[in-house]
Amino acid sequence: MPIKTLVWGENVHEQENPVVAGLYPEGMHATIASALNEDAGIAATTAVLQDAEHGLTEERLAKTDVLVWWGHAAHGKVEDAIVERVQKRVWEGMGLIVLHSGHFSKIFKRLMGTACSLKWREAGERERIWVVNRSHRIAQGLGECIELPNTEMYGEPFAVPEPLETVFISWFEGGEVFRSGLTYQRGAGKIFYFRPGHETYPIYHNTEVRQVLRNAVHWAHNPAPAWTAIADAPNVPVAAAKEKLVQKGPRLHRDGEEGLR
């Protein structure tokens, strides 16, 4: 079965900025989805901020193997209840790929537990994305680096937790460097942050960037059944212990009583 992938985009700059609209006439989300659908092993659809429940209903998320997230201008307009819904699905095993300015999205900051801040400059400078983990699944099919002629600079320090793996490190024409491909795991869900993607440049038309996106979906996919009980905290009665057990000492809770949160 193909990996069921949902590409989420806030769909704001495409509607308001003529440069972005010219590069992505059907929306950045549609271009990203088209890159993924070049792989017969991926079935990508799209959702946008303006959809009911942002297109992220419980039913749709339950059927999603990997969620790809792009946002920039409207992070604050994403409803907190939807963010919590997405977070729970990541805990259960849904993969999450966060792109470019999605570093400041509510969902990424919530899962990282840090400010996720960085330096930036919009000067159309050259970027060289070095592949520093050549054997990683996300880097398959690439050479030693990806060259982007015009891009927005992101610079260190990047205020995120230490990653499980660093796949890419970027160098920019102005001299800065940035950890531009990082992996994490939260609960049963794999997370990949990928830096390139400023909307006024044709980043998602780049052949190698599109290859990274497809690779990342395959890497983030968890074929195991969803760990739907991950947020539960069951009170196990003495009688249900694996070994014979005698109750000793006073108790705060009765059998079956919910724990305190």
Protein backbone atom coordinates (compact mmCIF):
# COMPACT_ATOMS: atom_id res chain seq x y z
CA MET A 1 0.00 0.00 0.00
CA PRO A 2 1.31 3.51 -0.75
CA ILE A 3 2.21 5.75 2.17
CA LYS A 4 -0.80 7.99 2.81
CA THR A 5 0.70 11.47 3.06
CA LEU A 6 -1.06 14.74 3.79
CA VAL A 7 0.63 17.99 2.75
CA TRP A 8 -0.59 20.89 4.89
CA GLY A 9 -0.04 24.49 3.81
CA GLU A 10 -1.33 27.73 5.27
CA ASN A 11 -2.05 29.02 1.73
CA VAL A 12 -1.65 32.71 2.60
CA HIS A 13 1.29 34.14 0.63
CA GLU A 14 0.13 32.38 -2.53
CA GLN A 15 -3.07 34.43 -2.31
CA GLU A 16 -1.48 37.76 -1.37
CA ASN A 17 1.97 37.98 -3.01
CA PRO A 18 2.23 38.02 -6.84
CA VAL A 19 5.79 36.63 -6.80
CA VAL A 20 4.72 33.60 -4.78
CA ALA A 21 1.58 33.17 -6.88
CA GLY A 22 3.71 33.17 -10.02
CA LEU A 23 6.02 30.47 -8.70
CA TYR A 24 3.25 28.37 -7.16
CA PRO A 25 0.02 29.13 -9.03
CA GLU A 26 -1.76 26.16 -7.47
CA GLY A 27 -0.24 26.74 -4.05
CA MET A 28 2.99 25.55 -2.45
CA HIS A 29 1.13 22.63 -0.93
CA ALA A 30 0.13 21.41 -4.41
CA THR A 31 3.71 21.65 -5.68
CA ILE A 32 5.03 19.71 -2.68
CA ALA A 33 2.34 17.07 -3.14
CA SER A 34 3.24 16.76 -6.83
CA ALA A 35 6.85 16.04 -5.84
CA LEU A 36 5.71 13.27 -3.52
CA ASN A 37 3.31 11.77 -6.05
CA GLU A 38 6.20 11.23 -8.45
CA ASP A 39 6.90 8.20 -6.23
CA ALA A 40 4.46 5.32 -6.81
CA GLY A 41 4.96 4.33 -3.17
CA ILE A 42 3.44 7.61 -1.91
CA ALA A 43 -0.14 8.84 -2.20
CA ALA A 44 -0.17 12.54 -1.30
CA THR A 45 -3.19 14.81 -0.84
CA THR A 46 -3.43 18.36 0.49
CA ALA A 47 -5.15 20.46 3.13
CA VAL A 48 -4.95 24.18 3.93
CA LEU A 49 -5.52 26.52 6.84
CA GLN A 50 -8.79 27.79 5.37
CA ASP A 51 -10.43 24.34 5.31
CA ALA A 52 -12.88 23.36 8.03
CA GLU A 53 -10.80 22.29 11.05
CA HIS A 54 -7.81 23.31 8.88
CA GLY A 55 -8.38 20.11 6.93
CA LEU A 56 -7.04 18.17 9.91
CA THR A 57 -10.09 16.36 11.18
CA GLU A 58 -9.69 13.40 13.51
CA GLU A 59 -10.89 11.07 10.75
CA ARG A 60 -8.42 12.40 8.19
CA LEU A 61 -5.47 12.36 10.59
CA ALA A 62 -6.32 8.79 11.62
CA LYS A 63 -5.86 7.77 7.98
CA THR A 64 -2.60 9.73 7.54
CA ASP A 65 0.76 7.96 7.72
CA VAL A 66 2.92 11.08 7.28
CA LEU A 67 2.00 14.76 7.62
CA VAL A 68 4.08 17.42 5.83
CA TRP A 69 3.76 20.92 7.35
CA TRP A 70 4.49 24.28 5.73
CA GLY A 71 3.57 27.54 7.44
CA HIS A 72 4.92 31.07 7.80
CA ALA A 73 2.51 34.01 8.06
CA ALA A 74 -0.32 32.47 10.05
CA HIS A 75 1.14 30.26 12.78
CA GLY A 76 -1.07 31.96 15.36
CA LYS A 77 -4.24 31.23 13.39
CA VAL A 78 -3.87 27.48 13.80
CA GLU A 79 -6.31 26.46 16.51
CA ASP A 80 -4.74 24.99 19.65
CA ALA A 81 -7.20 22.10 19.69
CA ILE A 82 -6.03 21.09 16.20
CA VAL A 83 -2.39 21.32 17.31
CA GLU A 84 -3.12 18.98 20.22
CA ARG A 85 -4.85 16.61 17.80
CA VAL A 86 -1.81 16.52 15.52
CA GLN A 87 0.54 16.09 18.48
CA LYS A 88 -1.40 13.05 19.68
CA ARG A 89 -1.20 11.47 16.22
CA VAL A 90 2.57 11.99 16.18
CA TRP A 91 2.80 10.33 19.59
CA GLU A 92 0.75 7.45 18.17
CA GLY A 93 3.15 6.96 15.27
CA MET A 94 2.27 9.38 12.47
CA GLY A 95 5.37 10.80 10.82
CA LEU A 96 5.80 14.59 10.68
CA ILE A 97 7.95 16.57 8.24
CA VAL A 98 8.29 20.27 9.09
CA LEU A 99 9.54 22.56 6.34
CA HIS A 100 11.41 25.87 6.41
CA SER A 101 9.50 28.53 8.39
CA GLY A 102 7.46 25.79 10.00
CA HIS A 103 10.18 25.94 12.68
CA PHE A 104 7.97 28.56 14.36
CA SER A 105 4.74 26.60 13.93
CA LYS A 106 2.79 25.74 17.05
CA ILE A 107 3.11 22.02 16.41
CA PHE A 108 6.90 22.06 15.99
CA LYS A 109 7.48 24.27 19.05
CA ARG A 110 5.15 22.09 21.12
CA LEU A 111 6.93 18.87 20.11
CA MET A 112 10.41 20.39 20.58
CA GLY A 113 9.58 22.15 23.87
CA THR A 114 11.94 25.02 23.00
CA ALA A 115 11.84 28.46 21.37
CA CYS A 116 12.92 27.10 17.93
CA SER A 117 14.39 30.53 17.16
CA LEU A 118 17.18 31.32 14.68
CA LYS A 119 18.90 34.08 12.69
CA TRP A 120 17.64 34.96 9.21
CA ARG A 121 18.26 37.23 6.25
CA GLU A 122 16.30 37.62 3.00
CA ALA A 123 18.95 38.52 0.41
CA GLY A 124 18.64 35.87 -2.30
CA GLU A 125 22.04 34.47 -1.45
CA ARG A 126 23.52 31.16 -2.49
CA GLU A 127 23.13 28.12 -0.23
CA ARG A 128 25.15 24.94 -0.25
CA ILE A 129 23.43 22.12 1.63
CA TRP A 130 26.09 19.61 2.64
CA VAL A 131 25.08 15.98 3.05
CA VAL A 132 26.83 15.08 6.30
CA ASN A 133 25.13 11.71 6.82
CA ARG A 134 25.58 10.07 3.42
CA SER A 135 24.16 6.67 4.40
CA HIS A 136 20.92 8.06 5.86
CA ARG A 137 17.65 7.07 4.16
CA ILE A 138 16.75 10.74 3.69
CA ALA A 139 19.99 11.39 1.77
CA GLN A 140 19.70 8.53 -0.71
CA GLY A 141 20.21 9.50 -4.35
CA LEU A 142 22.00 12.76 -3.55
CA GLY A 143 25.56 13.84 -4.21
CA GLU A 144 27.79 15.44 -1.62
CA CYS A 145 25.75 18.65 -1.55
CA ILE A 146 22.74 20.50 -2.97
CA GLU A 147 23.36 23.94 -4.51
CA LEU A 148 20.55 26.51 -4.36
CA PRO A 149 21.38 29.74 -6.26
CA ASN A 150 18.96 31.98 -4.35
CA THR A 151 17.54 31.39 -0.91
CA GLU A 152 16.75 32.93 2.46
CA MET A 153 19.50 32.56 5.05
CA TYR A 154 18.85 30.76 8.31
CA GLY A 155 21.73 30.90 10.77
CA GLU A 156 22.80 29.35 14.03
CA PRO A 157 22.11 29.24 16.87
CA PHE A 158 19.00 27.20 16.15
CA ALA A 159 17.23 26.84 19.51
CA VAL A 160 16.03 23.25 19.20
CA PRO A 161 16.85 20.15 21.28
CA GLU A 162 19.87 18.11 20.28
CA PRO A 163 18.62 15.97 17.37
CA LEU A 164 18.82 12.22 17.05
CA GLU A 165 20.63 12.73 13.73
CA THR A 166 21.93 15.61 11.64
CA VAL A 167 21.51 14.82 7.96
CA PHE A 168 22.29 18.20 6.35
CA ILE A 169 24.28 21.32 7.25
CA SER A 170 23.92 24.47 5.14
CA TRP A 171 26.47 27.13 4.29
CA PHE A 172 25.32 30.53 3.02
CA GLU A 173 27.00 33.10 0.82
CA GLY A 174 27.07 35.58 3.71
CA GLY A 175 29.09 33.13 5.83
CA GLU A 176 26.51 31.66 8.20
CA VAL A 177 25.91 27.95 8.72
CA PHE A 178 22.78 26.10 9.81
CA ARG A 179 21.76 22.56 10.75
CA SER A 180 19.24 22.22 7.96
CA GLY A 181 18.16 18.58 8.22
CA LEU A 182 17.42 17.19 11.69
CA THR A 183 15.59 14.08 12.92
CA TYR A 184 13.69 13.52 16.15
CA GLN A 185 11.28 11.01 17.66
CA ARG A 186 8.37 11.82 19.93
CA GLY A 187 6.45 8.83 21.21
CA ALA A 188 6.14 6.44 18.25
CA GLY A 189 6.33 9.24 15.67
CA LYS A 190 9.38 10.23 13.63
CA ILE A 191 9.98 13.94 12.92
CA PHE A 192 12.18 15.50 10.25
CA TYR A 193 12.90 19.23 10.00
CA PHE A 194 14.13 20.38 6.57
CA ARG A 195 15.18 24.01 6.16
CA PRO A 196 14.91 24.95 2.43
CA GLY A 197 11.62 26.41 1.20
CA HIS A 198 11.37 30.20 1.22
CA GLU A 199 8.29 31.03 -0.84
CA THR A 200 9.72 33.74 -3.14
CA TYR A 201 12.25 31.30 -4.64
CA PRO A 202 11.48 28.14 -6.66
CA ILE A 203 12.88 25.83 -3.99
CA TYR A 204 10.20 23.14 -4.29
CA HIS A 205 10.76 22.91 -8.04
CA ASN A 206 14.38 21.86 -7.41
CA THR A 207 14.93 18.21 -8.38
CA GLU A 208 17.16 17.35 -5.41
CA VAL A 209 14.92 19.08 -2.87
CA ARG A 210 12.00 17.08 -4.24
CA GLN A 211 14.07 13.91 -3.84
CA VAL A 212 14.72 14.77 -0.19
CA LEU A 213 10.98 15.22 0.39
CA ARG A 214 10.20 11.78 -1.05
CA ASN A 215 13.02 10.17 0.91
CA ALA A 216 11.80 11.83 4.10
CA VAL A 217 8.29 10.45 3.70
CA HIS A 218 9.65 6.91 3.38
CA TRP A 219 11.88 7.45 6.42
CA ALA A 220 9.11 8.94 8.57
CA HIS A 221 6.58 6.23 7.76
CA ASN A 222 5.86 3.89 10.67
CA PRO A 223 4.02 0.79 9.39
CA ALA A 224 3.12 -0.40 12.89
CA PRO A 225 -0.46 0.01 14.13
CA ALA A 226 -1.13 3.35 15.84
CA TRP A 227 -0.22 3.38 19.53
CA THR A 228 -3.62 4.80 20.42
CA ALA A 229 -3.20 4.17 24.15
CA ILE A 230 0.05 6.13 24.43
CA ALA A 231 -1.56 8.96 26.42
CA ASP A 232 -3.36 6.60 28.81
CA ALA A 233 -2.10 6.10 32.37
CA PRO A 234 -4.00 3.03 33.61
CA ASN A 235 -4.27 2.22 37.30
CA VAL A 236 -3.34 -1.49 37.44
CA PRO A 237 -5.14 -3.30 40.33
CA VAL A 238 -3.14 -5.52 42.65
CA ALA A 239 -5.19 -8.51 41.48
CA ALA A 240 -4.11 -7.86 37.87
CA ALA A 241 -0.35 -7.93 38.61
CA LYS A 242 1.65 -10.43 36.53
CA GLU A 243 2.97 -12.01 39.74
CA LYS A 244 1.02 -12.71 42.93
CA LEU A 245 1.13 -9.54 44.99
CA VAL A 246 -0.05 -8.62 48.49
CA GLN A 247 -1.14 -5.03 49.14
CA LYS A 248 1.19 -3.37 51.67
CA GLY A 249 0.73 0.04 53.21
CA PRO A 250 -1.93 2.71 52.71
CA ARG A 251 -3.08 3.85 49.27
CA LEU A 252 -4.02 7.20 47.84
CA HIS A 253 -6.18 5.76 45.04
CA ARG A 254 -8.85 3.08 44.79
CA ASP A 255 -8.68 0.30 42.18
CA GLY A 256 -9.67 1.71 38.79
CA GLU A 257 -9.55 5.33 39.95
CA GLU A 258 -8.07 7.79 37.44
CA GLY A 259 -4.64 9.21 38.20
CA LEU A 260 -4.08 12.90 38.80
CA ARG A 261 -2.94 15.07 35.86
